[in-house]
Amino acid sequence: MPEWLGWSATAVFVGSYGFRRPGAIRVVQALGACLWIVYGVLLGARPVILANTLVVGAAMLSFWRDRRIAVAADRQQPDAAV
């Protein structure tokens, strides 16, 4: 089971680079990192757990930061549907 999970995490993480939108890339990378965390827990590999916990945190922080910036920019745009 751990080997299968490791390969799945690798596939998800590599697959994230096929997305164009930065938000989608970050969400998929966070998902891949979550799989890596489970893999690390199953193996008792603390470095894998810690590294991927940091990846999840960084991916989600940048996702929410970019989302907040986009929402703020949308609010500043005047309505074109008049």
N, C-alpha and C. Protein backbone atom coordinates (compact mmCIF):
# COMPACT_ATOMS: atom_id res chain seq x y z
N MET A 1 0.81 -1.22 0.00
CA MET A 1 0.00 0.00 0.00
C MET A 1 0.85 1.27 0.00
N PRO A 2 1.88 1.39 0.85
CA PRO A 2 2.66 2.64 0.84
C PRO A 2 3.29 2.93 -0.52
N GLU A 3 3.78 1.89 -1.21
CA GLU A 3 4.42 2.15 -2.50
C GLU A 3 3.39 2.69 -3.51
N TRP A 4 2.20 2.13 -3.52
CA TRP A 4 1.14 2.59 -4.40
C TRP A 4 0.79 4.05 -4.10
N LEU A 5 0.73 4.38 -2.82
CA LEU A 5 0.41 5.74 -2.40
C LEU A 5 1.51 6.71 -2.82
N GLY A 6 2.75 6.29 -2.70
CA GLY A 6 3.88 7.12 -3.12
C GLY A 6 3.84 7.41 -4.61
N TRP A 7 3.54 6.38 -5.41
CA TRP A 7 3.44 6.59 -6.86
C TRP A 7 2.26 7.49 -7.20
N SER A 8 1.16 7.34 -6.48
CA SER A 8 -0.01 8.19 -6.71
C SER A 8 0.32 9.65 -6.38
N ALA A 9 0.99 9.87 -5.27
CA ALA A 9 1.38 11.22 -4.87
C ALA A 9 2.30 11.84 -5.92
N THR A 10 3.21 11.04 -6.44
CA THR A 10 4.11 11.52 -7.49
C THR A 10 3.32 11.92 -8.73
N ALA A 11 2.38 11.07 -9.14
CA ALA A 11 1.58 11.36 -10.33
C ALA A 11 0.75 12.63 -10.16
N VAL A 12 0.15 12.80 -9.00
CA VAL A 12 -0.67 14.00 -8.76
C VAL A 12 0.21 15.24 -8.79
N PHE A 13 1.35 15.18 -8.12
CA PHE A 13 2.22 16.34 -8.05
C PHE A 13 2.76 16.71 -9.44
N VAL A 14 3.22 15.73 -10.19
CA VAL A 14 3.73 16.00 -11.54
C VAL A 14 2.59 16.48 -12.44
N GLY A 15 1.43 15.88 -12.29
CA GLY A 15 0.27 16.29 -13.09
C GLY A 15 -0.15 17.72 -12.85
N SER A 16 0.19 18.26 -11.69
CA SER A 16 -0.19 19.65 -11.38
C SER A 16 0.44 20.63 -12.36
N TYR A 17 1.55 20.26 -12.97
CA TYR A 17 2.20 21.16 -13.91
C TYR A 17 1.50 21.21 -15.26
N GLY A 18 0.49 20.37 -15.45
CA GLY A 18 -0.30 20.40 -16.67
C GLY A 18 -1.39 21.45 -16.62
N PHE A 19 -1.62 22.04 -15.47
CA PHE A 19 -2.65 23.07 -15.33
C PHE A 19 -2.07 24.43 -15.70
N ARG A 20 -2.92 25.31 -16.19
CA ARG A 20 -2.47 26.64 -16.59
C ARG A 20 -2.71 27.68 -15.51
N ARG A 21 -3.84 27.57 -14.83
CA ARG A 21 -4.17 28.57 -13.80
C ARG A 21 -3.36 28.32 -12.54
N PRO A 22 -2.70 29.35 -12.02
CA PRO A 22 -1.89 29.19 -10.81
C PRO A 22 -2.67 28.61 -9.63
N GLY A 23 -3.93 29.03 -9.49
CA GLY A 23 -4.74 28.52 -8.38
C GLY A 23 -4.95 27.02 -8.48
N ALA A 24 -5.21 26.53 -9.69
CA ALA A 24 -5.40 25.10 -9.89
C ALA A 24 -4.11 24.34 -9.62
N ILE A 25 -3.00 24.89 -10.07
CA ILE A 25 -1.70 24.25 -9.82
C ILE A 25 -1.48 24.09 -8.32
N ARG A 26 -1.74 25.14 -7.58
CA ARG A 26 -1.48 25.12 -6.13
C ARG A 26 -2.39 24.14 -5.41
N VAL A 27 -3.66 24.08 -5.81
CA VAL A 27 -4.59 23.16 -5.16
C VAL A 27 -4.18 21.71 -5.43
N VAL A 28 -3.81 21.42 -6.67
CA VAL A 28 -3.41 20.05 -7.01
C VAL A 28 -2.09 19.70 -6.32
N GLN A 29 -1.17 20.66 -6.24
CA GLN A 29 0.08 20.40 -5.53
C GLN A 29 -0.18 20.14 -4.04
N ALA A 30 -1.11 20.88 -3.46
CA ALA A 30 -1.46 20.65 -2.06
C ALA A 30 -2.06 19.26 -1.88
N LEU A 31 -2.90 18.84 -2.82
CA LEU A 31 -3.47 17.49 -2.77
C LEU A 31 -2.37 16.43 -2.85
N GLY A 32 -1.44 16.61 -3.78
CA GLY A 32 -0.31 15.69 -3.90
C GLY A 32 0.52 15.64 -2.62
N ALA A 33 0.75 16.81 -2.03
CA ALA A 33 1.51 16.87 -0.79
C ALA A 33 0.77 16.18 0.35
N CYS A 34 -0.56 16.28 0.36
CA CYS A 34 -1.34 15.56 1.38
C CYS A 34 -1.16 14.05 1.23
N LEU A 35 -1.14 13.59 -0.01
CA LEU A 35 -0.88 12.16 -0.24
C LEU A 35 0.52 11.79 0.26
N TRP A 36 1.49 12.66 0.02
CA TRP A 36 2.85 12.41 0.51
C TRP A 36 2.89 12.37 2.04
N ILE A 37 2.09 13.21 2.67
CA ILE A 37 2.04 13.21 4.14
C ILE A 37 1.53 11.86 4.64
N VAL A 38 0.46 11.36 4.03
CA VAL A 38 -0.07 10.05 4.43
C VAL A 38 0.99 8.97 4.19
N TYR A 39 1.67 9.04 3.07
CA TYR A 39 2.76 8.12 2.76
C TYR A 39 3.84 8.18 3.84
N GLY A 40 4.22 9.38 4.22
CA GLY A 40 5.23 9.55 5.26
C GLY A 40 4.77 8.99 6.60
N VAL A 41 3.50 9.17 6.92
CA VAL A 41 2.96 8.63 8.17
C VAL A 41 3.02 7.10 8.16
N LEU A 42 2.62 6.51 7.02
CA LEU A 42 2.63 5.05 6.92
C LEU A 42 4.05 4.48 7.06
N LEU A 43 5.03 5.21 6.57
CA LEU A 43 6.42 4.76 6.66
C LEU A 43 7.13 5.23 7.92
N GLY A 44 6.51 6.16 8.63
CA GLY A 44 7.16 6.74 9.80
C GLY A 44 8.33 7.63 9.41
N ALA A 45 8.21 8.28 8.25
CA ALA A 45 9.29 9.13 7.72
C ALA A 45 8.98 10.59 8.04
N ARG A 46 9.49 11.05 9.17
CA ARG A 46 9.21 12.43 9.61
C ARG A 46 9.67 13.50 8.62
N PRO A 47 10.82 13.34 7.95
CA PRO A 47 11.21 14.38 6.98
C PRO A 47 10.19 14.52 5.83
N VAL A 48 9.62 13.41 5.39
CA VAL A 48 8.62 13.45 4.33
C VAL A 48 7.37 14.17 4.83
N ILE A 49 6.99 13.87 6.05
CA ILE A 49 5.81 14.50 6.65
C ILE A 49 6.03 16.01 6.79
N LEU A 50 7.15 16.41 7.36
CA LEU A 50 7.43 17.82 7.58
C LEU A 50 7.55 18.59 6.27
N ALA A 51 8.31 18.05 5.32
CA ALA A 51 8.51 18.76 4.05
C ALA A 51 7.19 18.98 3.34
N ASN A 52 6.34 17.98 3.34
CA ASN A 52 5.09 18.11 2.62
C ASN A 52 4.04 18.91 3.39
N THR A 53 4.15 18.95 4.69
CA THR A 53 3.31 19.84 5.48
C THR A 53 3.64 21.28 5.11
N LEU A 54 4.91 21.58 4.93
CA LEU A 54 5.34 22.92 4.50
C LEU A 54 4.84 23.22 3.09
N VAL A 55 4.88 22.23 2.21
CA VAL A 55 4.39 22.42 0.84
C VAL A 55 2.89 22.73 0.85
N VAL A 56 2.11 21.97 1.64
CA VAL A 56 0.67 22.23 1.72
C VAL A 56 0.43 23.65 2.23
N GLY A 57 1.14 24.04 3.28
CA GLY A 57 0.98 25.38 3.84
C GLY A 57 1.32 26.46 2.83
N ALA A 58 2.45 26.32 2.15
CA ALA A 58 2.87 27.32 1.17
C ALA A 58 1.90 27.38 -0.01
N ALA A 59 1.46 26.23 -0.49
CA ALA A 59 0.54 26.20 -1.62
C ALA A 59 -0.79 26.86 -1.26
N MET A 60 -1.31 26.54 -0.09
CA MET A 60 -2.60 27.10 0.29
C MET A 60 -2.51 28.58 0.64
N LEU A 61 -1.42 28.99 1.28
CA LEU A 61 -1.25 30.42 1.56
C LEU A 61 -1.17 31.23 0.28
N SER A 62 -0.40 30.75 -0.69
CA SER A 62 -0.29 31.49 -1.94
C SER A 62 -1.60 31.44 -2.72
N PHE A 63 -2.33 30.32 -2.66
CA PHE A 63 -3.63 30.23 -3.31
C PHE A 63 -4.58 31.29 -2.74
N TRP A 64 -4.69 31.35 -1.42
CA TRP A 64 -5.62 32.31 -0.79
C TRP A 64 -5.16 33.74 -0.99
N ARG A 65 -3.85 33.99 -0.99
CA ARG A 65 -3.34 35.35 -1.24
C ARG A 65 -3.71 35.79 -2.65
N ASP A 66 -3.46 34.93 -3.64
CA ASP A 66 -3.78 35.28 -5.03
C ASP A 66 -5.28 35.44 -5.23
N ARG A 67 -6.04 34.62 -4.55
CA ARG A 67 -7.51 34.70 -4.65
C ARG A 67 -8.00 36.03 -4.08
N ARG A 68 -7.47 36.43 -2.93
CA ARG A 68 -7.84 37.71 -2.31
C ARG A 68 -7.49 38.88 -3.23
N ILE A 69 -6.33 38.82 -3.86
CA ILE A 69 -5.90 39.88 -4.77
C ILE A 69 -6.84 39.95 -5.98
N ALA A 70 -7.22 38.79 -6.52
CA ALA A 70 -8.13 38.76 -7.68
C ALA A 70 -9.50 39.31 -7.32
N VAL A 71 -10.00 38.95 -6.15
CA VAL A 71 -11.32 39.44 -5.72
C VAL A 71 -11.27 40.95 -5.53
N ALA A 72 -10.20 41.45 -4.92
CA ALA A 72 -10.06 42.89 -4.72
C ALA A 72 -9.99 43.62 -6.06
N ALA A 73 -9.30 43.06 -7.03
CA ALA A 73 -9.20 43.68 -8.36
C ALA A 73 -10.55 43.69 -9.05
N ASP A 74 -11.32 42.61 -8.89
CA ASP A 74 -12.66 42.56 -9.49
C ASP A 74 -13.57 43.62 -8.89
N ARG A 75 -13.42 43.87 -7.62
CA ARG A 75 -14.26 44.88 -6.95
C ARG A 75 -13.94 46.29 -7.43
N GLN A 76 -12.72 46.51 -7.87
CA GLN A 76 -12.32 47.84 -8.35
C GLN A 76 -12.74 48.10 -9.77
N GLN A 77 -13.09 47.06 -10.52
CA GLN A 77 -13.51 47.20 -11.92
C GLN A 77 -14.95 47.73 -11.96
N PRO A 78 -15.20 48.75 -12.75
CA PRO A 78 -16.59 49.23 -12.88
C PRO A 78 -17.41 48.19 -13.67
N ASP A 79 -18.69 48.13 -13.39
CA ASP A 79 -19.57 47.20 -14.10
C ASP A 79 -19.65 47.59 -15.58
N ALA A 80 -19.39 46.62 -16.44
CA ALA A 80 -19.45 46.87 -17.89
C ALA A 80 -20.87 46.62 -18.42
N ALA A 81 -21.70 45.96 -17.65
CA ALA A 81 -23.06 45.60 -18.10
C ALA A 81 -24.04 46.71 -17.73
N VAL A 82 -23.98 47.81 -18.46
CA VAL A 82 -24.90 48.91 -18.20
C VAL A 82 -25.76 49.13 -19.41
